[in-house]
C-alpha atoms as a PDB file:
ATOM      1  CA  MET A   1     126.059  87.083  74.706  1.00  0.00           C
ATOM      2  CA  GLY A   2     124.128  89.274  72.289  1.00  0.00           C
ATOM      3  CA  HIS A   3     124.436  91.163  69.045  1.00  0.00           C
ATOM      4  CA  TRP A   4     124.463  94.941  69.142  1.00  0.00           C
ATOM      5  CA  GLY A   5     121.567  96.529  67.297  1.00  0.00           C
ATOM      6  CA  PHE A   6     118.165  98.058  67.914  1.00  0.00           C
ATOM      7  CA  SER A   7     115.411  95.694  69.059  1.00  0.00           C
ATOM      8  CA  TYR A   8     111.833  96.623  68.237  1.00  0.00           C
ATOM      9  CA  ILE A   9     110.598  93.865  70.575  1.00  0.00           C
ATOM     10  CA  GLY A  10     112.655  95.305  73.422  1.00  0.00           C
ATOM     11  CA  CYS A  11     111.255  98.739  72.598  1.00  0.00           C
ATOM     12  CA  ILE A  12     107.681  97.406  72.730  1.00  0.00           C
ATOM     13  CA  TRP A  13     108.354  95.771  76.111  1.00  0.00           C
ATOM     14  CA  LEU A  14     109.777  99.057  77.421  1.00  0.00           C
ATOM     15  CA  LEU A  15     106.733 100.981  76.216  1.00  0.00           C
ATOM     16  CA  MET A  16     104.488  98.428  77.934  1.00  0.00           C
ATOM     17  CA  LEU A  17     106.511  99.074  81.092  1.00  0.00           C
ATOM     18  CA  ILE A  18     106.854 102.848  80.919  1.00  0.00           C
ATOM     19  CA  LEU A  19     103.396 104.015  79.818  1.00  0.00           C
ATOM     20  CA  PRO A  20     101.426 102.696  82.820  1.00  0.00           C
ATOM     21  CA  ASN A  21     104.192 103.855  85.152  1.00  0.00           C
ATOM     22  CA  LEU A  22     103.873 107.369  83.757  1.00  0.00           C
ATOM     23  CA  ALA A  23     100.120 107.250  84.393  1.00  0.00           C
ATOM     24  CA  TRP A  24     100.853 105.982  87.918  1.00  0.00           C
ATOM     25  CA  THR A  25     102.764 109.168  88.741  1.00  0.00           C
ATOM     26  CA  ARG A  26      99.373 110.950  88.607  1.00  0.00           C
ATOM     27  CA  CYS A  27      97.421 108.122  90.273  1.00  0.00           C
ATOM     28  CA  LYS A  28      99.559 106.971  93.193  1.00  0.00           C
ATOM     29  CA  PRO A  29      97.895 104.898  95.899  1.00  0.00           C
ATOM     30  CA  GLN A  30      96.369 106.760  98.812  1.00  0.00           C
ATOM     31  CA  GLY A  31      98.979 107.006 101.568  1.00  0.00           C
ATOM     32  CA  TYR A  32     101.914 106.061  99.326  1.00  0.00           C
ATOM     33  CA  SER A  33     105.349 107.050 100.584  1.00  0.00           C
ATOM     34  CA  ALA A  34     108.819 105.988  99.505  1.00  0.00           C
ATOM     35  CA  GLU A  35     110.256 107.019 102.866  1.00  0.00           C
ATOM     36  CA  GLY A  36     112.241 104.414 104.734  1.00  0.00           C
ATOM     37  CA  GLU A  37     113.051 102.294 101.677  1.00  0.00           C
ATOM     38  CA  SER A  38     116.285 100.354 101.911  1.00  0.00           C
ATOM     39  CA  ARG A  39     119.072 102.237 100.170  1.00  0.00           C
ATOM     40  CA  VAL A  40     120.614  98.958  99.044  1.00  0.00           C
ATOM     41  CA  LEU A  41     117.368  97.702  97.485  1.00  0.00           C
ATOM     42  CA  LEU A  42     116.734 101.116  95.950  1.00  0.00           C
ATOM     43  CA  ALA A  43     120.228 101.176  94.407  1.00  0.00           C
ATOM     44  CA  MET A  44     119.674  97.673  93.013  1.00  0.00           C
ATOM     45  CA  GLU A  45     116.273  98.655  91.646  1.00  0.00           C
ATOM     46  CA  ARG A  46     117.557 101.826  89.973  1.00  0.00           C
ATOM     47  CA  SER A  47     120.623 100.081  88.524  1.00  0.00           C
ATOM     48  CA  GLY A  48     118.422  97.264  87.260  1.00  0.00           C
ATOM     49  CA  GLU A  49     115.996  99.734  85.672  1.00  0.00           C
ATOM     50  CA  VAL A  50     118.778 101.505  83.774  1.00  0.00           C
ATOM     51  CA  CYS A  51     120.415  98.267  82.630  1.00  0.00           C
ATOM     52  CA  VAL A  52     117.138  96.582  81.636  1.00  0.00           C
ATOM     53  CA  SER A  53     116.161  99.685  79.650  1.00  0.00           C
ATOM     54  CA  LEU A  54     119.514  99.812  77.908  1.00  0.00           C
ATOM     55  CA  PHE A  55     119.990  96.107  77.223  1.00  0.00           C
ATOM     56  CA  SER A  56     116.410  95.502  76.063  1.00  0.00           C
ATOM     57  CA  VAL A  57     116.759  97.922  73.134  1.00  0.00           C
ATOM     58  CA  CYS A  58     120.489  97.654  72.349  1.00  0.00           C
ATOM     59  CA  PHE A  59     120.580  93.962  71.400  1.00  0.00           C
ATOM     60  CA  SER A  60     118.751  92.765  68.298  1.00  0.00           C
ATOM     61  CA  ASP A  61     118.523  89.166  69.572  1.00  0.00           C
ATOM     62  CA  TYR A  62     114.953  89.622  70.890  1.00  0.00           C
ATOM     63  CA  ASP A  63     113.404  90.375  67.524  1.00  0.00           C
ATOM     64  CA  LEU A  64     111.339  87.754  65.729  1.00  0.00           C
ATOM     65  CA  ARG A  65     113.206  85.038  63.886  1.00  0.00           C
ATOM     66  CA  PRO A  66     112.199  81.743  62.241  1.00  0.00           C
ATOM     67  CA  PHE A  67     110.187  79.480  64.529  1.00  0.00           C
ATOM     68  CA  SER A  68     112.123  77.293  66.934  1.00  0.00           C
ATOM     69  CA  PRO A  69     111.471  75.960  70.442  1.00  0.00           C
ATOM     70  CA  TRP A  70     113.049  79.212  71.729  1.00  0.00           C
ATOM     71  CA  PHE A  71     109.916  80.999  70.529  1.00  0.00           C
ATOM     72  CA  PHE A  72     108.046  79.670  73.591  1.00  0.00           C
ATOM     73  CA  TRP A  73     110.271  81.832  75.823  1.00  0.00           C
ATOM     74  CA  LEU A  74     109.201  84.911  73.849  1.00  0.00           C
ATOM     75  CA  THR A  75     105.563  83.825  74.026  1.00  0.00           C
ATOM     76  CA  GLY A  76     105.825  83.393  77.793  1.00  0.00           C
ATOM     77  CA  SER A  77     107.455  86.787  78.115  1.00  0.00           C
ATOM     78  CA  PHE A  78     104.705  88.400  76.062  1.00  0.00           C
ATOM     79  CA  LEU A  79     101.977  86.711  78.121  1.00  0.00           C
ATOM     80  CA  LEU A  80     103.615  88.001  81.307  1.00  0.00           C
ATOM     81  CA  MET A  81     103.679  91.517  79.838  1.00  0.00           C
ATOM     82  CA  LEU A  82      99.988  91.206  78.967  1.00  0.00           C
ATOM     83  CA  MET A  83      99.306  90.107  82.549  1.00  0.00           C
ATOM     84  CA  TYR A  84     101.335  93.127  83.723  1.00  0.00           C
ATOM     85  CA  GLU A  85      99.118  95.401  81.634  1.00  0.00           C
ATOM     86  CA  ALA A  86      96.004  93.663  83.003  1.00  0.00           C
ATOM     87  CA  TRP A  87      97.326  94.202  86.537  1.00  0.00           C
ATOM     88  CA  TRP A  88      97.677  97.932  85.799  1.00  0.00           C
ATOM     89  CA  ILE A  89      94.136  98.076  84.398  1.00  0.00           C
ATOM     90  CA  ARG A  90      92.846  96.439  87.562  1.00  0.00           C
ATOM     91  CA  TYR A  91      94.831  98.905  89.677  1.00  0.00           C
ATOM     92  CA  PHE A  92      93.592 101.974  87.765  1.00  0.00           C
ATOM     93  CA  CYS A  93      89.986 100.723  87.977  1.00  0.00           C
ATOM     94  CA  SER A  94      90.285 100.030  91.717  1.00  0.00           C
ATOM     95  CA  GLY A  95      90.152 102.402  94.656  1.00  0.00           C
ATOM     96  CA  ARG A  96      93.934 102.797  94.184  1.00  0.00           C
ATOM     97  CA  THR A  97      94.799 101.813  97.730  1.00  0.00           C
ATOM     98  CA  LEU A  98      98.140 100.506  98.942  1.00  0.00           C
ATOM     99  CA  ALA A  99      96.580  97.036  99.204  1.00  0.00           C
ATOM    100  CA  ASP A 100      95.584  97.267  95.525  1.00  0.00           C
ATOM    101  CA  PHE A 101      99.092  98.358  94.555  1.00  0.00           C
ATOM    102  CA  TYR A 102     101.035  95.742  96.530  1.00  0.00           C
ATOM    103  CA  GLY A 103      98.512  92.936  96.231  1.00  0.00           C
ATOM    104  CA  SER A 104      98.544  89.691  94.312  1.00  0.00           C
ATOM    105  CA  PHE A 105      97.128  89.178  90.853  1.00  0.00           C
ATOM    106  CA  TRP A 106      96.058  85.761  89.600  1.00  0.00           C
ATOM    107  CA  GLY A 107      97.992  84.216  92.475  1.00  0.00           C
ATOM    108  CA  ILE A 108     101.225  86.074  91.754  1.00  0.00           C
ATOM    109  CA  PRO A 109     102.453  87.969  94.830  1.00  0.00           C
ATOM    110  CA  VAL A 110     103.365  91.666  94.422  1.00  0.00           C
ATOM    111  CA  ALA A 111     102.410  91.291  90.780  1.00  0.00           C
ATOM    112  CA  GLY A 112     103.217  94.887  89.881  1.00  0.00           C
ATOM    113  CA  ALA A 113     106.868  94.107  90.474  1.00  0.00           C
ATOM    114  CA  SER A 114     107.027  90.369  89.801  1.00  0.00           C
ATOM    115  CA  LEU A 115     105.362  90.186  86.387  1.00  0.00           C
ATOM    116  CA  LEU A 116     107.625  92.653  84.630  1.00  0.00           C
ATOM    117  CA  VAL A 117     110.791  91.162  86.129  1.00  0.00           C
ATOM    118  CA  LEU A 118     109.767  87.684  84.998  1.00  0.00           C
ATOM    119  CA  ALA A 119     108.830  89.000  81.545  1.00  0.00           C
ATOM    120  CA  PHE A 120     112.254  90.566  81.027  1.00  0.00           C
ATOM    121  CA  LEU A 121     113.958  87.460  82.395  1.00  0.00           C
ATOM    122  CA  LEU A 122     112.141  85.294  79.830  1.00  0.00           C
ATOM    123  CA  LEU A 123     112.978  87.828  77.117  1.00  0.00           C
ATOM    124  CA  ALA A 124     116.648  87.487  78.086  1.00  0.00           C
ATOM    125  CA  ILE A 125     116.389  83.696  77.830  1.00  0.00           C
ATOM    126  CA  TYR A 126     114.714  83.954  74.420  1.00  0.00           C
ATOM    127  CA  GLY A 127     117.406  86.307  73.120  1.00  0.00           C
ATOM    128  CA  ARG A 128     120.144  84.441  74.980  1.00  0.00           C
ATOM    129  CA  VAL A 129     121.475  87.749  76.266  1.00  0.00           C
ATOM    130  CA  LEU A 130     123.193  87.264  79.604  1.00  0.00           C
ATOM    131  CA  TRP A 131     123.358  91.011  80.273  1.00  0.00           C
ATOM    132  CA  LEU A 132     119.598  91.438  80.175  1.00  0.00           C
ATOM    133  CA  GLY A 133     119.139  88.362  82.366  1.00  0.00           C
ATOM    134  CA  LEU A 134     121.543  89.675  85.010  1.00  0.00           C
ATOM    135  CA  SER A 135     119.907  93.103  84.815  1.00  0.00           C
ATOM    136  CA  ALA A 136     116.445  91.583  85.286  1.00  0.00           C
ATOM    137  CA  ILE A 137     117.704  89.683  88.345  1.00  0.00           C
ATOM    138  CA  LEU A 138     119.226  92.881  89.767  1.00  0.00           C
ATOM    139  CA  LEU A 139     115.973  94.755  89.092  1.00  0.00           C
ATOM    140  CA  GLY A 140     113.993  91.909  90.628  1.00  0.00           C
ATOM    141  CA  ILE A 141     115.948  91.845  93.869  1.00  0.00           C
ATOM    142  CA  GLY A 142     115.513  95.573  94.321  1.00  0.00           C
ATOM    143  CA  HIS A 143     112.003  96.098  92.957  1.00  0.00           C
ATOM    144  CA  ILE A 144     110.372  92.980  94.383  1.00  0.00           C
ATOM    145  CA  GLY A 145     112.239  93.454  97.664  1.00  0.00           C
ATOM    146  CA  ILE A 146     110.915  97.001  98.026  1.00  0.00           C
ATOM    147  CA  HIS A 147     107.358  95.908  97.174  1.00  0.00           C
ATOM    148  CA  LEU A 148     107.513  93.031  99.659  1.00  0.00           C
ATOM    149  CA  ARG A 149     108.670  95.390 102.415  1.00  0.00           C
ATOM    150  CA  HIS A 150     105.844  97.798 101.671  1.00  0.00           C
ATOM    151  CA  ARG A 151     103.319  94.964 101.606  1.00  0.00           C
ATOM    152  CA  ARG A 152     104.644  93.622 104.913  1.00  0.00           C
ATOM    153  CA  SER A 153     104.241  97.069 106.494  1.00  0.00           C
ATOM    154  CA  LEU A 154     100.560  97.052 105.468  1.00  0.00           C
ATOM    155  CA  SER A 155      99.845  93.961 107.535  1.00  0.00           C
ATOM    156  CA  SER A 156     101.658  95.203 110.658  1.00  0.00           C
END
């Protein structure tokens, strides 16, 4: 269920999440609008964001420990976070269109939402912290759902 305590790994993951998002606030895609987003999905996304932020740094179970097969979950999570950073680099180097923002990356649909959710889900599995796993699922339903709706509106 988790052991209370600060996690430097969780803090690193949060920094990898927050820093490009802060840059995004100055480099939003051309024509971006949050109007018409589902209130239910938005509430799930916001709740998931708060809980993921809290539970990723408040449980020490994610920090490095002696090697075991569980380490592969952390490795997978880290690789997904690196892919998330690579997706942001591609976005910032692109024309910053809505198609760039909601597009796929290395075959992963709506990668800007999917990669980080999967990374935090794998981090929860590695740390065996149910609360982070449930929070990542809540975030995923809201965040991925919103991105899929926006992407669908591009093709109509």
